[in-house]
Protein backbone atom coordinates (compact mmCIF):
# COMPACT_ATOMS: atom_id res chain seq x y z
CA MET A 1 12.68 27.73 -4.51
CA ASP A 2 16.43 27.25 -4.24
CA THR A 3 16.21 25.91 -0.70
CA GLN A 4 13.60 23.34 -1.74
CA GLN A 5 15.67 22.25 -4.73
CA ALA A 6 18.71 21.87 -2.50
CA HIS A 7 16.63 19.81 -0.05
CA VAL A 8 15.42 17.51 -2.83
CA GLN A 9 18.96 17.13 -4.21
CA GLN A 10 20.27 16.27 -0.77
CA HIS A 11 17.70 13.51 -0.36
CA SER A 12 18.43 12.27 -3.89
CA ASN A 13 22.15 12.02 -3.14
CA LEU A 14 21.42 10.18 0.10
CA LEU A 15 19.19 7.72 -1.76
CA VAL A 16 21.94 7.08 -4.33
CA TRP A 17 24.36 6.35 -1.50
CA HIS A 18 21.97 3.83 0.05
CA ILE A 19 21.36 2.12 -3.29
CA GLU A 20 25.08 1.79 -4.00
CA ALA A 21 25.65 0.35 -0.52
CA TRP A 22 22.82 -2.12 -1.13
CA GLN A 23 24.30 -3.19 -4.46
CA GLN A 24 27.66 -3.93 -2.87
CA VAL A 25 26.08 -6.17 -0.26
CA GLN A 26 23.61 -7.80 -2.63
CA VAL A 27 26.25 -9.11 -5.02
CA LEU A 28 27.76 -11.16 -2.18
CA PHE A 29 24.56 -13.19 -1.83
CA MET A 30 23.32 -13.02 -5.43
CA PRO A 31 26.35 -12.95 -7.79
CA GLY A 32 24.16 -13.28 -10.88
CA ILE A 33 22.68 -9.86 -10.18
CA SER A 34 25.75 -8.22 -11.71
CA THR A 35 24.78 -9.50 -15.15
CA LEU A 36 21.18 -8.34 -14.81
CA ARG A 37 22.29 -4.94 -13.61
CA SER A 38 24.74 -4.56 -16.50
CA ASP A 39 22.07 -5.54 -19.04
CA TRP A 40 19.69 -3.01 -17.52
CA SER A 41 22.34 -0.25 -17.63
CA ASP A 42 23.14 -1.01 -21.29
CA SER A 43 19.46 -0.76 -22.22
CA MET A 44 19.16 2.78 -20.82
CA ASN A 45 19.79 5.62 -23.25
CA GLN A 46 20.35 8.11 -20.43
CA PRO A 47 20.74 7.92 -16.65
CA PRO A 48 17.27 7.38 -15.11
CA PRO A 49 15.96 9.21 -12.05
CA VAL A 50 17.28 7.73 -8.85
CA GLU A 51 13.79 6.58 -7.81
CA ASP A 52 13.57 4.44 -10.98
CA ILE A 53 16.77 2.45 -10.30
CA PRO A 54 15.70 -1.19 -9.78
CA LEU A 55 16.87 -2.96 -6.64
CA PHE A 56 16.55 -6.43 -8.19
CA LEU A 57 14.84 -7.92 -5.19
CA PRO A 58 14.04 -11.66 -5.33
CA SER A 59 10.48 -10.93 -6.50
CA GLN A 60 11.87 -8.74 -9.32
CA VAL A 61 14.51 -11.28 -10.37
CA ASN A 62 11.89 -14.07 -10.51
CA GLY A 63 14.27 -16.85 -11.56
CA ARG A 64 16.44 -14.84 -13.95
CA ALA A 65 19.38 -15.21 -11.55
CA PRO A 66 20.14 -17.67 -8.74
CA CYS A 67 18.67 -16.54 -5.44
CA PRO A 68 18.94 -18.30 -2.06
CA GLN A 69 15.64 -19.53 -0.73
CA SER A 70 16.28 -17.72 2.53
CA LEU A 71 16.26 -14.36 0.72
CA ASN A 72 12.95 -15.24 -0.94
CA MET A 73 11.51 -15.96 2.50
CA ILE A 74 12.88 -12.74 3.99
CA GLU A 75 11.28 -10.65 1.26
CA PHE A 76 8.05 -12.63 1.60
CA TRP A 77 7.86 -11.80 5.31
CA LEU A 78 8.70 -8.17 4.55
CA ARG A 79 6.03 -7.90 1.86
CA GLU A 80 3.39 -9.53 4.03
CA GLY A 81 4.08 -7.00 6.77
CA GLN A 82 4.01 -4.18 4.22
CA ALA A 83 0.63 -5.38 2.97
CA HIS A 84 -0.88 -5.13 6.45
CA ASP A 85 0.73 -1.73 7.06
CA THR A 86 -0.60 -0.48 3.73
CA LEU A 87 -4.12 -1.64 4.52
CA ASN A 88 -3.87 0.10 7.87
CA ASP A 89 -2.85 3.32 6.10
CA LEU A 90 -5.79 2.83 3.75
CA HIS A 91 -8.13 2.51 6.73
CA GLN A 92 -6.83 5.76 8.19
CA GLY A 93 -7.17 7.59 4.89
CA LEU A 94 -10.75 6.44 4.40
CA ARG A 95 -11.67 7.37 7.98
CA SER A 96 -10.18 10.83 7.52
CA HIS A 97 -12.01 11.26 4.21
CA ALA A 98 -15.36 10.30 5.73
CA TYR A 99 -14.80 12.51 8.76
CA MET A 100 -13.90 15.47 6.54
CA LEU A 101 -17.13 15.00 4.57
CA LYS A 102 -19.10 14.90 7.81
CA PHE A 103 -17.36 18.01 9.14
CA LYS A 104 -17.89 19.86 5.83
CA ASP A 105 -21.62 19.10 5.71
CA GLN A 106 -22.31 20.01 9.33
CA PHE A 107 -20.07 22.99 10.08
CA LEU A 108 -18.70 24.69 6.96
CA ARG A 109 -20.50 27.51 5.22
CA GLY A 110 -19.34 29.91 2.55
CA GLN A 111 -17.26 29.63 -0.60
CA GLY A 112 -13.87 30.02 1.11
CA ALA A 113 -14.47 27.34 3.71
CA ASN A 114 -15.88 24.88 1.17
CA MET A 115 -12.94 25.51 -1.17
CA TRP A 116 -10.57 24.69 1.69
CA ALA A 117 -12.50 21.49 2.40
CA ARG A 118 -12.43 20.43 -1.26
CA ASN A 119 -8.67 20.95 -1.38
CA CYS A 120 -8.27 18.82 1.73
CA LEU A 121 -10.43 16.08 0.21
CA LYS A 122 -8.37 16.15 -2.99
CA THR A 123 -5.21 15.72 -0.93
CA LEU A 124 -6.75 12.78 0.92
CA ASP A 125 -7.87 11.22 -2.37
CA ALA A 126 -4.31 11.46 -3.70
CA LYS A 127 -2.95 9.78 -0.57
CA ILE A 128 -5.56 7.03 -0.75
CA ASN A 129 -4.74 6.37 -4.41
CA ALA A 130 -1.00 6.28 -3.64
CA THR A 131 -1.64 3.82 -0.81
CA ALA A 132 -3.70 1.60 -3.10
CA THR A 133 -0.87 1.63 -5.65
CA ARG A 134 1.58 0.54 -2.96
CA TYR A 135 -0.71 -2.34 -2.05
CA HIS A 136 -0.87 -3.46 -5.70
CA VAL A 137 2.95 -3.55 -5.84
CA VAL A 138 3.19 -5.49 -2.58
CA TYR A 139 0.49 -7.97 -3.57
CA HIS A 140 2.19 -8.57 -6.92
CA ALA A 141 5.44 -9.42 -5.11
CA LEU A 142 3.58 -11.80 -2.78
CA SER A 143 1.94 -13.48 -5.77
CA ILE A 144 5.40 -14.18 -7.20
CA LEU A 145 7.11 -15.28 -3.99
CA GLY A 146 4.21 -17.32 -2.60
CA PRO A 147 4.33 -20.13 -5.22
CA LEU A 148 8.15 -20.24 -5.05
CA LEU A 149 8.00 -20.84 -1.31
CA GLY A 150 4.86 -22.95 -1.22
CA GLN A 151 3.12 -20.32 0.93
CA VAL A 152 -0.66 -20.28 0.60
CA GLY A 153 -1.93 -19.17 4.01
CA TRP A 154 -1.47 -15.47 3.25
CA LYS A 155 -4.25 -15.61 0.67
CA GLY A 156 -6.74 -16.23 3.46
CA HIS A 157 -6.48 -12.63 4.65
CA LEU A 158 -4.93 -10.71 1.74
CA ARG A 159 -6.76 -10.38 -1.57
CA PRO A 160 -6.42 -8.44 -4.82
CA LEU A 161 -7.57 -4.86 -4.28
CA ALA A 162 -10.32 -3.77 -6.67
CA ASN A 163 -11.54 -0.20 -7.04
CA ASN A 164 -14.89 -0.99 -5.43
CA ASP A 165 -13.07 -2.44 -2.40
CA ILE A 166 -11.72 1.01 -1.53
CA CYS A 167 -14.74 2.36 0.32
CA ALA A 168 -15.66 3.54 3.78
CA LEU A 169 -17.61 1.37 6.19
CA SER A 170 -20.87 3.15 5.38
CA ILE A 171 -20.40 2.96 1.58
CA GLY A 172 -20.58 0.05 -0.82
CA TYR A 173 -22.47 -2.38 1.41
CA ASP A 174 -23.94 -5.43 -0.29
CA LEU A 175 -27.22 -6.49 1.25
CA CYS A 176 -27.25 -10.28 1.55
CA LEU A 177 -30.67 -11.55 0.52
CA GLY A 178 -32.47 -13.39 3.26
CA GLU A 179 -30.11 -12.28 6.00
CA GLY A 180 -31.25 -8.71 6.56
CA ARG A 181 -27.75 -7.34 7.24
CA HIS A 182 -24.98 -5.53 5.38
CA ARG A 183 -21.51 -6.72 4.43
CA VAL A 184 -18.48 -4.48 4.42
CA SER A 185 -15.50 -4.48 2.08
CA TRP A 186 -12.92 -7.15 2.89
CA ILE A 187 -10.28 -4.51 3.69
CA TRP A 188 -12.13 -3.76 6.94
CA GLN A 189 -11.91 -7.41 7.97
CA VAL A 190 -8.09 -7.21 8.04
CA CYS A 191 -5.88 -5.52 10.65
CA GLY A 192 -8.30 -5.41 13.52
CA TYR A 193 -11.75 -5.80 11.95
CA SER A 194 -12.55 -9.49 11.62
CA GLU A 195 -15.73 -10.85 10.07
CA GLN A 196 -16.88 -11.88 13.53
CA ALA A 197 -16.39 -8.33 14.78
CA THR A 198 -18.39 -6.81 11.94
CA ASP A 199 -21.27 -9.16 12.73
CA ASN A 200 -21.20 -8.21 16.41
CA LYS A 201 -23.16 -4.99 17.07
CA LEU A 202 -21.71 -4.80 20.60
CA ASP A 203 -18.08 -4.65 19.41
CA ASP A 204 -16.82 -1.27 20.63
CA GLY A 205 -13.90 -0.98 18.20
CA PHE A 206 -16.01 -1.70 15.16
CA GLN A 207 -18.81 0.63 16.29
CA GLU A 208 -16.30 3.44 16.81
CA GLY A 209 -14.95 2.94 13.30
CA THR A 210 -18.49 2.87 11.90
CA TRP A 211 -19.41 6.09 13.70
CA LEU A 212 -16.44 7.89 12.15
CA GLN A 213 -17.54 6.85 8.67
CA ILE A 214 -21.17 8.03 8.73
CA PRO A 215 -21.43 11.59 7.26
């Protein structure tokens, strides 16, 4: 619709304004960025979509232009926070997905209701996949900035995200031989669910999360 197109164009123009403002400030701290930006512009046959314009953050520059160490550290802190926020969003998406399955199996009957539920689940799947993609981008940036800054502690709680790691609390358990208990994906041991909490059956927060996952 025309109103929707106008809304999208308005947001696109606003994003261009923010990017241009960022570029003016960035060149003051990273003068070499001008050369990288010019080379990128010359390599483009036609103007790219605004969302594809690179910001040339320290993790993207990766030594191709001088960058103050303080800027590397600022982005590192930002990316580490983004990683935790993204995992939290992934938790919420997986909880919602499991709850929707439980609701569908217990209460929905008929073709129309089940079609509605399937559409909702597809929407949740798309959001979960988008969240996982964001985490991959953030983790890649941390993997670049970490060695530059000598930071290694973040690897103790953030790991590469594999497809089989994206599962609800009641799915994908690995039974440890000889222990008689289940292990959950590492993503549930970050942002509130520690390994100690998952081993403690009396932990109220963990039990509430587990209850929401069981269809």
